[in-house]
N, C-alpha and C. Protein backbone atom coordinates (compact mmCIF):
# COMPACT_ATOMS: atom_id res chain seq x y z
N MET A 1 -47.89 192.34 19.73
CA MET A 1 -48.56 191.89 20.92
C MET A 1 -48.93 193.12 21.73
N HIS A 2 -50.20 193.22 22.05
CA HIS A 2 -50.65 194.33 22.87
C HIS A 2 -50.33 194.02 24.34
N VAL A 3 -49.62 194.91 24.98
CA VAL A 3 -49.20 194.72 26.37
C VAL A 3 -50.41 194.52 27.28
N GLY A 4 -51.52 195.19 26.98
CA GLY A 4 -52.72 195.07 27.79
C GLY A 4 -53.28 193.66 27.83
N THR A 5 -53.09 192.90 26.77
CA THR A 5 -53.56 191.51 26.73
C THR A 5 -52.82 190.68 27.77
N VAL A 6 -51.50 190.86 27.83
CA VAL A 6 -50.70 190.14 28.81
C VAL A 6 -51.02 190.64 30.21
N ARG A 7 -51.15 191.94 30.38
CA ARG A 7 -51.50 192.51 31.69
C ARG A 7 -52.82 191.92 32.19
N ASP A 8 -53.81 191.85 31.30
CA ASP A 8 -55.12 191.30 31.68
C ASP A 8 -55.00 189.84 32.10
N SER A 9 -54.20 189.06 31.40
CA SER A 9 -54.01 187.64 31.76
C SER A 9 -53.34 187.50 33.12
N ILE A 10 -52.35 188.35 33.37
CA ILE A 10 -51.68 188.32 34.68
C ILE A 10 -52.64 188.74 35.78
N ASP A 11 -53.42 189.79 35.53
CA ASP A 11 -54.38 190.25 36.53
C ASP A 11 -55.44 189.19 36.82
N GLN A 12 -55.91 188.50 35.78
CA GLN A 12 -56.97 187.53 35.94
C GLN A 12 -56.48 186.20 36.54
N PHE A 13 -55.34 185.71 36.07
CA PHE A 13 -54.89 184.37 36.45
C PHE A 13 -53.65 184.33 37.33
N GLY A 14 -52.96 185.46 37.47
CA GLY A 14 -51.80 185.57 38.35
C GLY A 14 -50.70 184.56 38.05
N SER A 15 -50.19 183.95 39.11
CA SER A 15 -49.04 183.05 38.96
C SER A 15 -49.39 181.82 38.14
N ARG A 16 -50.65 181.43 38.11
CA ARG A 16 -51.05 180.28 37.29
C ARG A 16 -50.76 180.55 35.81
N TYR A 17 -51.06 181.75 35.35
CA TYR A 17 -50.74 182.14 33.97
C TYR A 17 -49.23 182.21 33.78
N LEU A 18 -48.55 182.92 34.67
CA LEU A 18 -47.11 183.11 34.52
C LEU A 18 -46.37 181.77 34.48
N GLU A 19 -46.72 180.86 35.37
CA GLU A 19 -46.02 179.58 35.46
C GLU A 19 -46.38 178.63 34.33
N ARG A 20 -47.47 178.90 33.64
CA ARG A 20 -47.84 178.08 32.48
C ARG A 20 -47.12 178.53 31.22
N VAL A 21 -46.78 179.80 31.15
CA VAL A 21 -46.22 180.37 29.92
C VAL A 21 -44.72 180.64 30.02
N PHE A 22 -44.24 181.04 31.18
CA PHE A 22 -42.86 181.50 31.33
C PHE A 22 -42.06 180.61 32.26
N THR A 23 -40.75 180.54 32.01
CA THR A 23 -39.87 179.79 32.90
C THR A 23 -39.64 180.61 34.17
N ALA A 24 -39.12 179.95 35.19
CA ALA A 24 -38.83 180.63 36.45
C ALA A 24 -37.86 181.79 36.24
N ALA A 25 -36.85 181.59 35.38
CA ALA A 25 -35.87 182.65 35.12
C ALA A 25 -36.52 183.84 34.40
N GLU A 26 -37.43 183.57 33.48
CA GLU A 26 -38.13 184.67 32.79
C GLU A 26 -39.00 185.45 33.77
N ILE A 27 -39.70 184.74 34.63
CA ILE A 27 -40.56 185.41 35.62
C ILE A 27 -39.71 186.29 36.54
N GLU A 28 -38.61 185.73 37.02
CA GLU A 28 -37.73 186.48 37.93
C GLU A 28 -37.21 187.74 37.25
N TYR A 29 -36.76 187.64 36.01
CA TYR A 29 -36.23 188.81 35.30
C TYR A 29 -37.33 189.86 35.08
N CYS A 30 -38.47 189.43 34.59
CA CYS A 30 -39.53 190.39 34.27
C CYS A 30 -40.06 191.11 35.51
N GLN A 31 -40.08 190.43 36.63
CA GLN A 31 -40.63 191.02 37.85
C GLN A 31 -39.64 191.94 38.57
N ARG A 32 -38.43 192.05 38.06
CA ARG A 32 -37.45 192.95 38.69
C ARG A 32 -37.84 194.42 38.55
N SER A 33 -38.67 194.74 37.57
CA SER A 33 -39.03 196.13 37.32
C SER A 33 -40.54 196.27 37.23
N ASP A 34 -41.15 196.87 38.24
CA ASP A 34 -42.60 197.07 38.20
C ASP A 34 -43.03 197.87 36.98
N GLY A 35 -42.26 198.90 36.65
CA GLY A 35 -42.62 199.78 35.54
C GLY A 35 -42.53 199.12 34.17
N GLU A 36 -41.68 198.13 34.04
CA GLU A 36 -41.47 197.46 32.75
C GLU A 36 -42.03 196.04 32.73
N MET A 37 -42.52 195.55 33.85
CA MET A 37 -42.88 194.15 33.98
C MET A 37 -43.81 193.65 32.87
N HIS A 38 -44.93 194.31 32.65
CA HIS A 38 -45.89 193.83 31.66
C HIS A 38 -45.31 193.88 30.25
N ARG A 39 -44.54 194.91 29.95
CA ARG A 39 -43.92 195.00 28.62
C ARG A 39 -42.89 193.89 28.43
N ARG A 40 -42.13 193.59 29.47
CA ARG A 40 -41.14 192.50 29.38
C ARG A 40 -41.82 191.16 29.14
N PHE A 41 -42.88 190.90 29.87
CA PHE A 41 -43.61 189.65 29.65
C PHE A 41 -44.20 189.60 28.24
N ALA A 42 -44.77 190.71 27.78
CA ALA A 42 -45.37 190.74 26.45
C ALA A 42 -44.33 190.50 25.36
N ALA A 43 -43.15 191.10 25.50
CA ALA A 43 -42.09 190.90 24.51
C ALA A 43 -41.65 189.44 24.49
N ARG A 44 -41.56 188.81 25.65
CA ARG A 44 -41.16 187.40 25.71
C ARG A 44 -42.24 186.50 25.13
N PHE A 45 -43.49 186.84 25.37
CA PHE A 45 -44.57 186.07 24.76
C PHE A 45 -44.49 186.18 23.24
N ALA A 46 -44.26 187.39 22.74
CA ALA A 46 -44.13 187.58 21.29
C ALA A 46 -42.96 186.78 20.74
N ALA A 47 -41.85 186.70 21.48
CA ALA A 47 -40.69 185.93 21.03
C ALA A 47 -41.01 184.43 20.99
N LYS A 48 -41.77 183.96 21.96
CA LYS A 48 -42.16 182.55 21.97
C LYS A 48 -43.06 182.25 20.77
N GLU A 49 -44.01 183.13 20.49
CA GLU A 49 -44.88 182.95 19.32
C GLU A 49 -44.06 182.95 18.03
N ALA A 50 -43.13 183.88 17.91
CA ALA A 50 -42.29 183.96 16.71
C ALA A 50 -41.43 182.70 16.56
N THR A 51 -40.94 182.18 17.67
CA THR A 51 -40.13 180.96 17.62
C THR A 51 -40.98 179.78 17.16
N LEU A 52 -42.20 179.69 17.65
CA LEU A 52 -43.10 178.63 17.19
C LEU A 52 -43.33 178.72 15.68
N LYS A 53 -43.44 179.91 15.17
CA LYS A 53 -43.64 180.09 13.73
C LYS A 53 -42.40 179.66 12.94
N VAL A 54 -41.23 179.86 13.52
CA VAL A 54 -39.99 179.41 12.88
C VAL A 54 -39.90 177.88 12.92
N LEU A 55 -40.25 177.29 14.06
CA LEU A 55 -40.12 175.84 14.23
C LEU A 55 -41.21 175.05 13.51
N ARG A 56 -42.38 175.64 13.36
CA ARG A 56 -43.52 175.04 12.66
C ARG A 56 -43.89 173.65 13.16
N PRO A 57 -44.25 173.52 14.42
CA PRO A 57 -44.68 172.20 14.89
C PRO A 57 -45.93 171.77 14.11
N ASP A 58 -45.92 170.56 13.59
CA ASP A 58 -47.02 170.15 12.71
C ASP A 58 -48.11 169.34 13.39
N GLN A 59 -47.82 168.71 14.51
CA GLN A 59 -48.82 167.82 15.07
C GLN A 59 -49.40 168.32 16.39
N HIS A 60 -48.64 169.04 17.17
CA HIS A 60 -49.15 169.52 18.44
C HIS A 60 -48.40 170.79 18.85
N TRP A 61 -49.06 171.55 19.67
CA TRP A 61 -48.46 172.80 20.15
C TRP A 61 -47.46 172.47 21.24
N LEU A 62 -46.35 173.15 21.26
CA LEU A 62 -45.33 172.94 22.28
C LEU A 62 -45.68 173.66 23.58
N ASP A 63 -45.22 173.12 24.67
CA ASP A 63 -45.33 173.80 25.95
C ASP A 63 -44.56 175.12 25.85
N TRP A 64 -45.19 176.21 26.24
CA TRP A 64 -44.55 177.53 26.14
C TRP A 64 -43.19 177.57 26.83
N ARG A 65 -43.06 176.83 27.91
CA ARG A 65 -41.83 176.88 28.70
C ARG A 65 -40.66 176.15 28.06
N THR A 66 -40.91 175.43 26.96
CA THR A 66 -39.80 174.79 26.24
C THR A 66 -39.07 175.79 25.35
N ILE A 67 -39.60 177.00 25.30
CA ILE A 67 -38.99 178.11 24.56
C ILE A 67 -38.72 179.21 25.56
N GLU A 68 -37.46 179.60 25.70
CA GLU A 68 -37.09 180.54 26.76
C GLU A 68 -36.26 181.69 26.20
N VAL A 69 -36.57 182.88 26.66
CA VAL A 69 -35.78 184.07 26.32
C VAL A 69 -34.80 184.30 27.47
N ILE A 70 -33.53 184.36 27.13
CA ILE A 70 -32.47 184.56 28.11
C ILE A 70 -31.88 185.95 27.92
N LYS A 71 -31.91 186.75 28.97
CA LYS A 71 -31.27 188.07 28.95
C LYS A 71 -29.79 187.89 29.27
N MET A 72 -28.94 188.30 28.35
CA MET A 72 -27.50 188.12 28.51
C MET A 72 -26.92 189.30 29.29
N PRO A 73 -25.78 189.08 29.97
CA PRO A 73 -25.17 190.16 30.77
C PRO A 73 -24.86 191.41 29.95
N GLY A 74 -24.59 191.26 28.67
CA GLY A 74 -24.29 192.42 27.82
C GLY A 74 -25.52 193.19 27.38
N GLY A 75 -26.72 192.68 27.70
CA GLY A 75 -27.95 193.41 27.40
C GLY A 75 -28.80 192.80 26.29
N TRP A 76 -28.22 191.97 25.44
CA TRP A 76 -29.01 191.36 24.37
C TRP A 76 -29.72 190.13 24.90
N CYS A 77 -30.62 189.61 24.10
CA CYS A 77 -31.35 188.39 24.46
C CYS A 77 -31.01 187.27 23.50
N GLU A 78 -31.11 186.06 24.00
CA GLU A 78 -30.94 184.87 23.19
C GLU A 78 -32.09 183.92 23.47
N MET A 79 -32.36 183.04 22.51
CA MET A 79 -33.38 182.02 22.67
C MET A 79 -32.72 180.73 23.13
N ARG A 80 -33.36 180.06 24.08
CA ARG A 80 -32.90 178.74 24.52
C ARG A 80 -34.09 177.79 24.41
N LEU A 81 -33.86 176.68 23.75
CA LEU A 81 -34.91 175.68 23.56
C LEU A 81 -34.66 174.50 24.49
N HIS A 82 -35.75 173.90 24.97
CA HIS A 82 -35.67 172.78 25.88
C HIS A 82 -36.54 171.63 25.35
N GLY A 83 -36.14 170.42 25.67
CA GLY A 83 -36.96 169.23 25.41
C GLY A 83 -37.51 169.15 24.00
N PRO A 84 -38.85 169.08 23.85
CA PRO A 84 -39.46 168.90 22.54
C PRO A 84 -39.15 170.04 21.56
N ALA A 85 -39.04 171.26 22.04
CA ALA A 85 -38.72 172.37 21.15
C ALA A 85 -37.30 172.22 20.60
N GLU A 86 -36.38 171.81 21.46
CA GLU A 86 -35.00 171.59 21.03
C GLU A 86 -34.93 170.44 20.02
N ALA A 87 -35.67 169.37 20.28
CA ALA A 87 -35.68 168.23 19.37
C ALA A 87 -36.28 168.61 18.01
N LEU A 88 -37.34 169.38 18.03
CA LEU A 88 -37.96 169.83 16.78
C LEU A 88 -36.99 170.69 15.97
N ALA A 89 -36.30 171.59 16.64
CA ALA A 89 -35.33 172.44 15.96
C ALA A 89 -34.21 171.60 15.35
N ARG A 90 -33.74 170.64 16.10
CA ARG A 90 -32.66 169.77 15.61
C ARG A 90 -33.11 169.01 14.36
N ARG A 91 -34.32 168.44 14.39
CA ARG A 91 -34.85 167.71 13.22
C ARG A 91 -35.00 168.62 12.01
N ALA A 92 -35.30 169.89 12.25
CA ALA A 92 -35.47 170.85 11.16
C ALA A 92 -34.14 171.41 10.67
N GLY A 93 -33.04 171.05 11.32
CA GLY A 93 -31.72 171.54 10.92
C GLY A 93 -31.38 172.91 11.45
N VAL A 94 -32.15 173.40 12.43
CA VAL A 94 -31.88 174.72 13.02
C VAL A 94 -30.62 174.61 13.87
N VAL A 95 -29.62 175.42 13.53
CA VAL A 95 -28.38 175.41 14.30
C VAL A 95 -28.26 176.62 15.21
N ALA A 96 -29.05 177.65 14.96
CA ALA A 96 -29.02 178.84 15.82
C ALA A 96 -30.30 179.65 15.60
N LEU A 97 -30.71 180.34 16.65
CA LEU A 97 -31.84 181.27 16.58
C LEU A 97 -31.33 182.65 16.98
N SER A 98 -31.86 183.65 16.32
CA SER A 98 -31.54 185.03 16.66
C SER A 98 -32.84 185.74 16.99
N VAL A 99 -32.83 186.54 18.05
CA VAL A 99 -34.05 187.22 18.47
C VAL A 99 -33.80 188.70 18.66
N SER A 100 -34.79 189.48 18.30
CA SER A 100 -34.79 190.91 18.57
C SER A 100 -36.11 191.25 19.25
N LEU A 101 -36.04 191.88 20.41
CA LEU A 101 -37.23 192.26 21.18
C LEU A 101 -37.33 193.78 21.25
N SER A 102 -38.56 194.25 21.27
CA SER A 102 -38.77 195.68 21.45
C SER A 102 -40.11 195.88 22.15
N HIS A 103 -40.18 196.88 23.00
CA HIS A 103 -41.46 197.24 23.60
C HIS A 103 -41.48 198.74 23.85
N GLU A 104 -42.63 199.30 23.58
CA GLU A 104 -42.82 200.74 23.72
C GLU A 104 -44.28 200.99 24.06
N LYS A 105 -44.53 201.60 25.18
CA LYS A 105 -45.87 201.93 25.65
C LYS A 105 -46.79 200.71 25.62
N SER A 106 -47.71 200.64 24.66
CA SER A 106 -48.74 199.60 24.65
C SER A 106 -48.42 198.37 23.83
N TYR A 107 -47.30 198.38 23.13
CA TYR A 107 -47.00 197.27 22.24
C TYR A 107 -45.62 196.67 22.48
N ALA A 108 -45.54 195.37 22.26
CA ALA A 108 -44.27 194.65 22.32
C ALA A 108 -44.19 193.80 21.07
N LEU A 109 -42.99 193.65 20.56
CA LEU A 109 -42.81 192.81 19.37
C LEU A 109 -41.50 192.07 19.46
N ALA A 110 -41.44 191.01 18.67
CA ALA A 110 -40.23 190.20 18.61
C ALA A 110 -40.09 189.65 17.20
N MET A 111 -38.86 189.53 16.79
CA MET A 111 -38.56 188.87 15.53
C MET A 111 -37.54 187.78 15.82
N VAL A 112 -37.82 186.59 15.34
CA VAL A 112 -36.91 185.46 15.53
C VAL A 112 -36.57 184.92 14.15
N SER A 113 -35.29 184.74 13.93
CA SER A 113 -34.85 184.12 12.68
C SER A 113 -33.99 182.91 13.02
N ALA A 114 -33.99 181.96 12.10
CA ALA A 114 -33.25 180.71 12.31
C ALA A 114 -32.17 180.56 11.26
N ILE A 115 -31.05 180.02 11.68
CA ILE A 115 -30.01 179.58 10.76
C ILE A 115 -30.19 178.08 10.63
N ILE A 116 -30.38 177.64 9.41
CA ILE A 116 -30.67 176.24 9.15
C ILE A 116 -29.53 175.64 8.36
N HIS A 117 -29.03 174.52 8.83
CA HIS A 117 -27.97 173.80 8.13
C HIS A 117 -28.63 172.78 7.22
N GLN A 118 -28.35 172.90 5.94
CA GLN A 118 -28.87 171.94 4.98
C GLN A 118 -27.70 171.29 4.26
N ASP A 119 -27.77 170.00 4.12
CA ASP A 119 -26.74 169.30 3.36
C ASP A 119 -26.90 169.66 1.89
N VAL A 120 -25.82 170.06 1.26
CA VAL A 120 -25.88 170.46 -0.14
C VAL A 120 -25.44 169.32 -1.01
């Protein structure tokens, strides 16, 4: 994810964009640092996209805010699913998600993997 793409969306649409894509907690965390703000938002957007690819919704796109990146006190991040995203994960047998975020200068990336419980 190019950080400039997210920066341009924030510049053009402001809080309307932020509130459509990110939860209140994500917005609050990302805005704590002016110097890192756009990179933080871009990394979270990348994590949401990666989570959608793991969940594979087949009939409709999920609301971005049903997928949330939570910054833990120890410094790592975790994924939290809400409503339809949580239900989709449950139907798919997803018992846990793991996320890795990174951002450097102009780029942000995320990798999300799922642990799936299958009856043997």
